[in-house]
Protein backbone atom coordinates (compact mmCIF):
# COMPACT_ATOMS: atom_id res chain seq x y z
CA UNK A 1 85.32 107.76 100.22
CA UNK A 2 87.15 107.67 96.89
CA UNK A 3 86.03 105.49 94.00
CA UNK A 4 89.10 104.06 92.26
CA UNK A 5 88.01 100.55 93.29
CA UNK A 6 84.27 101.17 93.37
CA UNK A 7 82.29 97.99 92.83
CA UNK A 8 85.35 95.75 93.10
CA UNK A 9 85.36 92.66 95.29
CA UNK A 10 88.70 92.06 97.00
CA UNK A 11 90.29 89.43 99.20
CA UNK A 12 93.17 90.51 101.43
CA UNK A 13 95.17 87.91 103.32
CA UNK A 14 97.17 88.80 106.40
CA UNK A 15 94.51 91.43 107.01
CA UNK A 16 94.62 91.30 110.79
CA UNK A 17 97.63 93.56 111.20
CA UNK A 18 100.50 95.38 109.50
CA UNK A 19 100.61 95.76 105.74
CA UNK A 20 97.59 93.55 105.09
CA UNK A 21 95.45 95.55 107.49
CA UNK A 22 96.53 98.82 105.92
CA UNK A 23 95.75 97.61 102.41
CA UNK A 24 92.34 96.28 103.45
CA UNK A 25 91.44 99.69 104.90
CA UNK A 26 92.78 101.41 101.79
CA UNK A 27 90.77 99.22 99.43
CA UNK A 28 87.62 99.82 101.47
CA UNK A 29 88.20 103.58 101.36
CA UNK A 30 88.44 103.32 97.57
CA UNK A 31 85.05 101.64 97.37
CA UNK A 32 85.88 97.93 97.30
CA UNK A 33 84.07 95.25 99.22
CA UNK A 34 86.82 93.52 101.19
CA UNK A 35 87.02 89.95 102.47
CA UNK A 36 89.43 89.82 105.39
CA UNK A 37 91.60 86.74 105.88
CA UNK A 38 93.95 85.74 108.70
CA UNK A 39 94.08 83.19 111.48
CA UNK A 40 93.03 85.70 114.15
CA UNK A 41 89.24 86.12 114.01
CA UNK A 42 89.24 88.72 116.78
CA UNK A 43 91.54 91.04 114.83
CA UNK A 44 89.45 90.58 111.71
CA UNK A 45 86.23 91.41 113.54
CA UNK A 46 87.75 94.63 114.86
CA UNK A 47 88.93 95.59 111.37
CA UNK A 48 85.56 94.75 109.83
CA UNK A 49 83.84 96.96 112.40
CA UNK A 50 86.18 99.82 111.49
CA UNK A 51 85.48 99.41 107.78
CA UNK A 52 81.72 99.26 108.30
CA UNK A 53 81.77 102.30 110.57
CA UNK A 54 83.30 104.23 107.67
CA UNK A 55 80.56 103.11 105.30
CA UNK A 56 82.39 100.18 103.70
CA UNK A 57 81.55 96.50 103.33
CA UNK A 58 83.64 93.75 104.89
CA UNK A 59 83.43 89.99 105.19
CA UNK A 60 85.32 88.20 107.97
CA UNK A 61 86.89 84.96 106.73
CA UNK A 62 89.31 83.41 109.25
CA UNK A 63 91.56 80.84 107.59
CA UNK A 64 95.04 79.40 107.61
CA UNK A 65 96.62 80.10 104.21
CA UNK A 66 98.62 76.87 104.52
CA UNK A 67 95.39 74.87 104.20
CA UNK A 68 94.38 74.70 100.54
CA UNK A 69 90.89 73.41 101.39
CA UNK A 70 90.35 76.36 103.73
CA UNK A 71 91.60 78.74 101.04
CA UNK A 72 89.18 77.29 98.51
CA UNK A 73 86.35 77.62 101.03
CA UNK A 74 87.10 81.31 101.58
CA UNK A 75 87.00 82.02 97.85
CA UNK A 76 83.75 80.13 97.44
CA UNK A 77 82.27 82.03 100.39
CA UNK A 78 83.19 85.35 98.81
CA UNK A 79 81.79 84.32 95.43
CA UNK A 80 78.56 83.06 97.03
CA UNK A 81 78.05 86.25 99.02
CA UNK A 82 79.22 88.90 96.57
CA UNK A 83 79.18 87.21 93.17
CA UNK A 84 82.87 87.07 92.29
CA UNK A 85 86.42 88.17 93.01
CA UNK A 86 88.05 91.12 91.25
CA UNK A 87 91.18 91.62 93.34
CA UNK A 88 93.45 89.55 95.57
CA UNK A 89 96.23 90.77 97.83
CA UNK A 90 98.52 88.10 99.28
CA UNK A 91 99.94 89.86 102.34
CA UNK A 92 99.98 86.91 104.75
CA UNK A 93 103.52 86.03 105.76
CA UNK A 94 105.96 85.44 108.57
CA UNK A 95 109.57 86.59 109.00
CA UNK A 96 112.37 84.16 109.79
CA UNK A 97 115.76 85.41 110.91
CA UNK A 98 118.04 82.69 112.25
CA UNK A 99 121.55 81.40 111.47
CA UNK A 100 121.10 78.84 108.74
CA UNK A 101 122.95 76.12 110.63
CA UNK A 102 120.35 76.54 113.40
CA UNK A 103 117.35 76.62 111.06
CA UNK A 104 115.19 73.63 111.94
CA UNK A 105 113.20 71.58 109.46
CA UNK A 106 110.02 72.82 111.12
CA UNK A 107 110.88 76.53 110.80
CA UNK A 108 112.06 76.09 107.22
CA UNK A 109 108.86 74.31 106.23
CA UNK A 110 106.57 76.69 108.11
CA UNK A 111 108.11 79.70 106.38
CA UNK A 112 107.67 78.17 102.94
CA UNK A 113 104.17 76.94 103.73
CA UNK A 114 102.90 80.37 104.77
CA UNK A 115 104.86 82.69 102.51
CA UNK A 116 104.89 80.86 99.19
CA UNK A 117 102.38 78.01 99.45
CA UNK A 118 99.69 80.28 100.90
CA UNK A 119 100.26 82.78 98.12
CA UNK A 120 100.02 80.06 95.49
CA UNK A 121 96.89 78.50 97.01
CA UNK A 122 94.99 81.79 96.91
CA UNK A 123 96.19 82.67 93.40
CA UNK A 124 95.08 79.26 92.16
CA UNK A 125 91.71 79.52 93.90
CA UNK A 126 90.71 82.95 92.56
CA UNK A 127 92.05 82.53 89.02
CA UNK A 128 89.12 80.55 87.53
CA UNK A 129 86.67 83.20 88.73
CA UNK A 130 88.77 86.05 87.37
CA UNK A 131 89.43 84.29 84.06
CA UNK A 132 85.71 83.59 83.64
CA UNK A 133 85.01 87.33 83.99
CA UNK A 134 87.97 88.33 81.82
CA UNK A 135 89.23 90.69 84.49
CA UNK A 136 91.14 90.58 87.76
CA UNK A 137 94.18 91.83 89.63
CA UNK A 138 96.50 90.01 91.99
CA UNK A 139 99.03 91.83 94.14
CA UNK A 140 101.58 89.60 95.86
CA UNK A 141 103.71 90.97 98.67
CA UNK A 142 107.37 90.17 98.20
CA UNK A 143 110.34 91.70 100.00
CA UNK A 144 113.84 93.05 99.56
CA UNK A 145 114.72 89.43 100.25
CA UNK A 146 113.05 88.52 96.94
CA UNK A 147 116.13 89.75 95.10
CA UNK A 148 118.85 90.74 97.62
CA UNK A 149 121.12 88.47 99.62
CA UNK A 150 120.89 89.17 103.38
CA UNK A 151 122.44 86.88 106.01
CA UNK A 152 120.41 84.59 108.24
CA UNK A 153 117.32 84.79 106.05
CA UNK A 154 117.62 81.55 104.05
CA UNK A 155 114.03 80.38 104.53
CA UNK A 156 112.52 83.84 104.23
CA UNK A 157 114.57 84.70 101.14
CA UNK A 158 113.72 81.39 99.48
CA UNK A 159 110.02 81.94 100.12
CA UNK A 160 109.97 85.58 99.00
CA UNK A 161 112.13 84.86 95.97
CA UNK A 162 109.54 82.25 95.14
CA UNK A 163 106.76 84.83 95.45
CA UNK A 164 108.48 87.04 92.87
CA UNK A 165 109.01 84.23 90.38
CA UNK A 166 105.48 82.91 90.95
CA UNK A 167 104.23 86.41 90.15
CA UNK A 168 106.11 86.51 86.86
CA UNK A 169 105.01 83.04 85.79
CA UNK A 170 101.34 83.58 86.60
CA UNK A 171 101.42 87.02 84.97
CA UNK A 172 102.49 85.61 81.63
CA UNK A 173 99.97 82.77 81.85
CA UNK A 174 96.93 84.76 82.89
CA UNK A 175 97.39 88.18 81.26
CA UNK A 176 95.85 86.95 77.98
CA UNK A 177 92.69 86.27 80.03
CA UNK A 178 92.58 89.79 81.50
CA UNK A 179 94.15 88.89 84.85
CA UNK A 180 97.10 91.04 85.89
CA UNK A 181 99.55 89.72 88.48
CA UNK A 182 102.14 92.02 90.06
CA UNK A 183 104.35 92.13 93.14
CA UNK A 184 105.16 94.80 95.71
CA UNK A 185 108.47 94.31 97.51
CA UNK A 186 108.52 96.50 100.62
CA UNK A 187 111.68 97.63 102.35
CA UNK A 188 111.93 98.27 106.07
CA UNK A 189 108.36 99.08 107.10
CA UNK A 190 107.20 100.03 110.59
CA UNK A 191 104.72 97.35 111.68
CA UNK A 192 103.68 96.03 115.10
CA UNK A 193 106.12 93.14 114.61
CA UNK A 194 108.99 95.48 113.78
CA UNK A 195 108.13 97.70 116.76
CA UNK A 196 108.30 94.64 119.01
CA UNK A 197 111.70 93.68 117.60
CA UNK A 198 112.97 97.18 118.35
CA UNK A 199 111.55 97.01 121.87
CA UNK A 200 113.31 93.69 122.48
CA UNK A 201 116.61 95.06 121.19
CA UNK A 202 116.61 92.67 118.21
CA UNK A 203 116.50 95.48 115.64
CA UNK A 204 118.21 98.87 115.50
CA UNK A 205 116.54 101.29 113.10
CA UNK A 206 119.42 103.80 113.21
CA UNK A 207 121.63 102.15 110.55
CA UNK A 208 118.56 101.37 108.45
CA UNK A 209 117.56 105.04 108.34
CA UNK A 210 121.19 106.06 107.73
CA UNK A 211 121.33 103.83 104.62
CA UNK A 212 117.92 104.97 103.34
CA UNK A 213 118.30 108.00 101.05
CA UNK A 214 114.90 109.37 102.04
CA UNK A 215 116.15 109.22 105.65
CA UNK A 216 113.21 107.62 107.40
CA UNK A 217 111.73 104.23 108.08
CA UNK A 218 108.83 103.15 105.88
CA UNK A 219 105.24 103.25 107.05
CA UNK A 220 102.38 100.92 106.16
CA UNK A 221 100.76 103.83 104.33
CA UNK A 222 103.73 103.83 101.94
CA UNK A 223 102.61 100.39 100.70
CA UNK A 224 98.87 101.09 100.61
CA UNK A 225 99.01 103.62 97.77
CA UNK A 226 100.97 101.34 95.43
CA UNK A 227 98.62 98.43 96.27
CA UNK A 228 95.60 100.54 95.34
CA UNK A 229 97.31 101.65 92.14
CA UNK A 230 98.08 98.07 91.07
CA UNK A 231 94.47 97.02 91.66
CA UNK A 232 93.04 99.99 89.76
CA UNK A 233 92.57 100.66 86.06
CA UNK A 234 95.38 103.21 86.31
CA UNK A 235 97.85 100.30 86.09
CA UNK A 236 96.05 98.50 83.25
CA UNK A 237 99.24 97.96 81.22
CA UNK A 238 101.43 96.83 84.12
CA UNK A 239 101.90 93.07 84.11
CA UNK A 240 104.34 90.85 86.00
CA UNK A 241 106.26 93.71 87.55
CA UNK A 242 107.97 94.05 90.91
CA UNK A 243 107.40 97.45 92.51
CA UNK A 244 110.13 98.06 95.10
CA UNK A 245 108.99 100.41 97.85
CA UNK A 246 111.99 100.94 100.13
CA UNK A 247 112.92 104.63 100.11
CA UNK A 248 116.03 103.80 98.08
CA UNK A 249 117.54 101.41 100.66
CA UNK A 250 118.29 98.68 98.13
CA UNK A 251 120.13 100.92 95.65
CA UNK A 252 122.15 102.99 98.10
CA UNK A 253 125.84 102.42 97.39
CA UNK A 254 127.51 104.59 100.07
CA UNK A 255 128.23 103.61 103.66
């Protein structure tokens, strides 16, 4: 076990699977105590068991990030059990790919509620504890959709664009108090959800890889390292930044 996050207390949302799960495991390997948040308690229990088997500490905290009262309760539970919060990763999110003229009110609202409101609720809940200590890190998970225009992603792009701007606003407000807020915007990352889309024929990775200069699809592990870095003292002078992790997909100008 490494020690870059030794003694830190972290909350990771969306920890049940995909990027959130990978980051939770990575933080635990680096010595952090990790509170695991998602709506699926069974997935969280399995992850907690894996962390504990490797010598780490984990707290299972099932919650819906759309519910601000539930979010506040999770933070208070973590503070009561471990004494504070040093790091937050907002990885909970849902995709939404649908022609905009067919985008229902319900799907629009659900996407915003989970992707941007949930991120805001957790940031707001942990901030007083971090500010009181004069130290803390928040890593929000954005997307290529935070800054690129891609068809049929109106709700998702609006929510992830909001995550990026929320990051910048909070960073300027809280940095004087020792709280650093940054954003990771992943590119095309292999997750269970993406694998299922490929299996259903809804996604073809071939053109994605062809456009990616590094010539492969991203893996969850490609996001874990940057997330550890942004929570560690190695990034002590990085504030309000967006770290794009996409293998060069977004800058590639040749077809």
